[in-house]
Amino acid sequence: MAKIIENFSGRRNIRLNTDDIINIVREYQNITININNYNDIRYKLDNIELYLPEDI
């Protein structure tokens, strides 16, 4: 699960583990299947919501 690392002097960081990265890549592949055009991929990704669960 993703873990938010507080940074009191700027933006927070999100630590990803291997499973998080694999899940993101899997979602990307599922969403962009059969799309070969860069602009179409960007359009499709701009219109979805992808969430990472936070480690509490």
N, C-alpha and C. Protein backbone atom coordinates (compact mmCIF):
# COMPACT_ATOMS: atom_id res chain seq x y z
N MET A 1 0.83 -1.18 0.00
CA MET A 1 0.00 0.00 0.00
C MET A 1 0.88 1.25 0.00
N ALA A 2 0.40 2.25 -0.66
CA ALA A 2 1.14 3.50 -0.72
C ALA A 2 1.20 4.14 0.67
N LYS A 3 2.31 4.78 0.95
CA LYS A 3 2.47 5.45 2.25
C LYS A 3 2.87 6.89 2.00
N ILE A 4 2.12 7.81 2.57
CA ILE A 4 2.43 9.23 2.43
C ILE A 4 3.50 9.60 3.46
N ILE A 5 4.54 10.23 2.97
CA ILE A 5 5.63 10.67 3.84
C ILE A 5 5.54 12.19 3.95
N GLU A 6 5.30 12.66 5.16
CA GLU A 6 5.14 14.08 5.39
C GLU A 6 6.45 14.82 5.14
N ASN A 7 6.33 15.97 4.51
CA ASN A 7 7.47 16.84 4.28
C ASN A 7 7.00 18.24 4.66
N PHE A 8 7.37 18.69 5.82
CA PHE A 8 6.85 19.94 6.35
C PHE A 8 7.43 21.18 5.67
N SER A 9 8.39 21.01 4.79
CA SER A 9 8.97 22.16 4.10
C SER A 9 8.56 22.20 2.62
N GLY A 10 7.61 21.36 2.23
CA GLY A 10 7.20 21.35 0.82
C GLY A 10 6.16 20.28 0.56
N ARG A 11 6.20 19.71 -0.62
CA ARG A 11 5.23 18.70 -1.01
C ARG A 11 5.48 17.39 -0.28
N ARG A 12 4.39 16.65 -0.07
CA ARG A 12 4.51 15.33 0.53
C ARG A 12 4.95 14.33 -0.54
N ASN A 13 5.60 13.29 -0.11
CA ASN A 13 6.02 12.21 -1.01
C ASN A 13 5.14 11.00 -0.75
N ILE A 14 4.98 10.18 -1.77
CA ILE A 14 4.23 8.93 -1.64
C ILE A 14 5.18 7.79 -1.94
N ARG A 15 5.36 6.92 -0.97
CA ARG A 15 6.23 5.75 -1.14
C ARG A 15 5.39 4.62 -1.72
N LEU A 16 5.86 4.04 -2.81
CA LEU A 16 5.18 2.92 -3.45
C LEU A 16 5.99 1.66 -3.27
N ASN A 17 5.31 0.55 -3.01
CA ASN A 17 6.03 -0.71 -2.97
C ASN A 17 5.89 -1.40 -4.33
N THR A 18 6.48 -2.54 -4.48
CA THR A 18 6.49 -3.25 -5.75
C THR A 18 5.08 -3.56 -6.23
N ASP A 19 4.21 -4.00 -5.33
CA ASP A 19 2.83 -4.31 -5.71
C ASP A 19 2.10 -3.08 -6.24
N ASP A 20 2.33 -1.92 -5.63
CA ASP A 20 1.70 -0.68 -6.10
C ASP A 20 2.11 -0.39 -7.54
N ILE A 21 3.38 -0.51 -7.82
CA ILE A 21 3.89 -0.21 -9.15
C ILE A 21 3.32 -1.20 -10.18
N ILE A 22 3.31 -2.48 -9.83
CA ILE A 22 2.77 -3.49 -10.73
C ILE A 22 1.29 -3.24 -10.99
N ASN A 23 0.54 -2.85 -9.96
CA ASN A 23 -0.89 -2.55 -10.13
C ASN A 23 -1.10 -1.35 -11.04
N ILE A 24 -0.27 -0.33 -10.91
CA ILE A 24 -0.39 0.85 -11.78
C ILE A 24 -0.13 0.47 -13.23
N VAL A 25 0.93 -0.31 -13.45
CA VAL A 25 1.26 -0.74 -14.81
C VAL A 25 0.14 -1.61 -15.38
N ARG A 26 -0.40 -2.51 -14.57
CA ARG A 26 -1.50 -3.37 -15.01
C ARG A 26 -2.72 -2.54 -15.40
N GLU A 27 -3.06 -1.56 -14.58
CA GLU A 27 -4.20 -0.69 -14.91
C GLU A 27 -3.95 0.07 -16.20
N TYR A 28 -2.74 0.60 -16.36
CA TYR A 28 -2.38 1.31 -17.59
C TYR A 28 -2.56 0.40 -18.80
N GLN A 29 -2.07 -0.82 -18.70
CA GLN A 29 -2.18 -1.75 -19.81
C GLN A 29 -3.64 -2.10 -20.11
N ASN A 30 -4.44 -2.28 -19.08
CA ASN A 30 -5.86 -2.59 -19.28
C ASN A 30 -6.62 -1.42 -19.90
N ILE A 31 -6.28 -0.22 -19.48
CA ILE A 31 -6.99 0.96 -19.97
C ILE A 31 -6.60 1.29 -21.41
N THR A 32 -5.36 1.06 -21.76
CA THR A 32 -4.87 1.49 -23.08
C THR A 32 -4.80 0.34 -24.09
N ILE A 33 -5.42 -0.77 -23.79
CA ILE A 33 -5.37 -1.91 -24.71
C ILE A 33 -5.98 -1.50 -26.06
N ASN A 34 -5.32 -1.89 -27.12
CA ASN A 34 -5.75 -1.63 -28.50
C ASN A 34 -5.75 -0.15 -28.88
N ILE A 35 -5.05 0.68 -28.13
CA ILE A 35 -4.91 2.08 -28.49
C ILE A 35 -3.44 2.30 -28.87
N ASN A 36 -3.21 2.76 -30.07
CA ASN A 36 -1.84 2.92 -30.56
C ASN A 36 -1.42 4.37 -30.71
N ASN A 37 -2.35 5.27 -30.57
CA ASN A 37 -2.08 6.68 -30.80
C ASN A 37 -1.82 7.37 -29.46
N TYR A 38 -0.71 8.11 -29.37
CA TYR A 38 -0.33 8.80 -28.14
C TYR A 38 -1.43 9.72 -27.63
N ASN A 39 -2.03 10.51 -28.52
CA ASN A 39 -3.08 11.44 -28.11
C ASN A 39 -4.30 10.72 -27.57
N ASP A 40 -4.65 9.58 -28.17
CA ASP A 40 -5.78 8.80 -27.68
C ASP A 40 -5.50 8.22 -26.29
N ILE A 41 -4.26 7.79 -26.09
CA ILE A 41 -3.88 7.27 -24.77
C ILE A 41 -3.98 8.38 -23.73
N ARG A 42 -3.46 9.56 -24.05
CA ARG A 42 -3.53 10.69 -23.12
C ARG A 42 -4.98 11.05 -22.82
N TYR A 43 -5.82 11.08 -23.83
CA TYR A 43 -7.24 11.41 -23.64
C TYR A 43 -7.89 10.39 -22.71
N LYS A 44 -7.63 9.12 -22.95
CA LYS A 44 -8.22 8.07 -22.13
C LYS A 44 -7.75 8.19 -20.68
N LEU A 45 -6.46 8.43 -20.47
CA LEU A 45 -5.92 8.55 -19.11
C LEU A 45 -6.39 9.82 -18.42
N ASP A 46 -6.61 10.89 -19.19
CA ASP A 46 -7.11 12.14 -18.60
C ASP A 46 -8.54 12.00 -18.08
N ASN A 47 -9.25 11.01 -18.58
CA ASN A 47 -10.67 10.88 -18.24
C ASN A 47 -10.97 9.72 -17.30
N ILE A 48 -9.95 9.23 -16.62
CA ILE A 48 -10.16 8.19 -15.62
C ILE A 48 -9.68 8.69 -14.27
N GLU A 49 -10.09 8.01 -13.24
CA GLU A 49 -9.60 8.30 -11.89
C GLU A 49 -8.88 7.06 -11.40
N LEU A 50 -7.66 7.25 -10.95
CA LEU A 50 -6.85 6.16 -10.45
C LEU A 50 -6.42 6.52 -9.03
N TYR A 51 -6.68 5.64 -8.10
CA TYR A 51 -6.38 5.91 -6.70
C TYR A 51 -5.37 4.92 -6.16
N LEU A 52 -4.54 5.39 -5.25
CA LEU A 52 -3.63 4.52 -4.50
C LEU A 52 -4.12 4.47 -3.05
N PRO A 53 -4.30 3.28 -2.51
CA PRO A 53 -4.70 3.22 -1.09
C PRO A 53 -3.56 3.70 -0.21
N GLU A 54 -3.90 4.42 0.84
CA GLU A 54 -2.89 4.93 1.77
C GLU A 54 -2.66 3.94 2.89
N ASP A 55 -1.41 3.71 3.22
CA ASP A 55 -1.06 2.85 4.33
C ASP A 55 -1.26 3.64 5.61
N ILE A 56 -2.06 3.12 6.50
CA ILE A 56 -2.36 3.85 7.75
C ILE A 56 -1.57 3.26 8.90
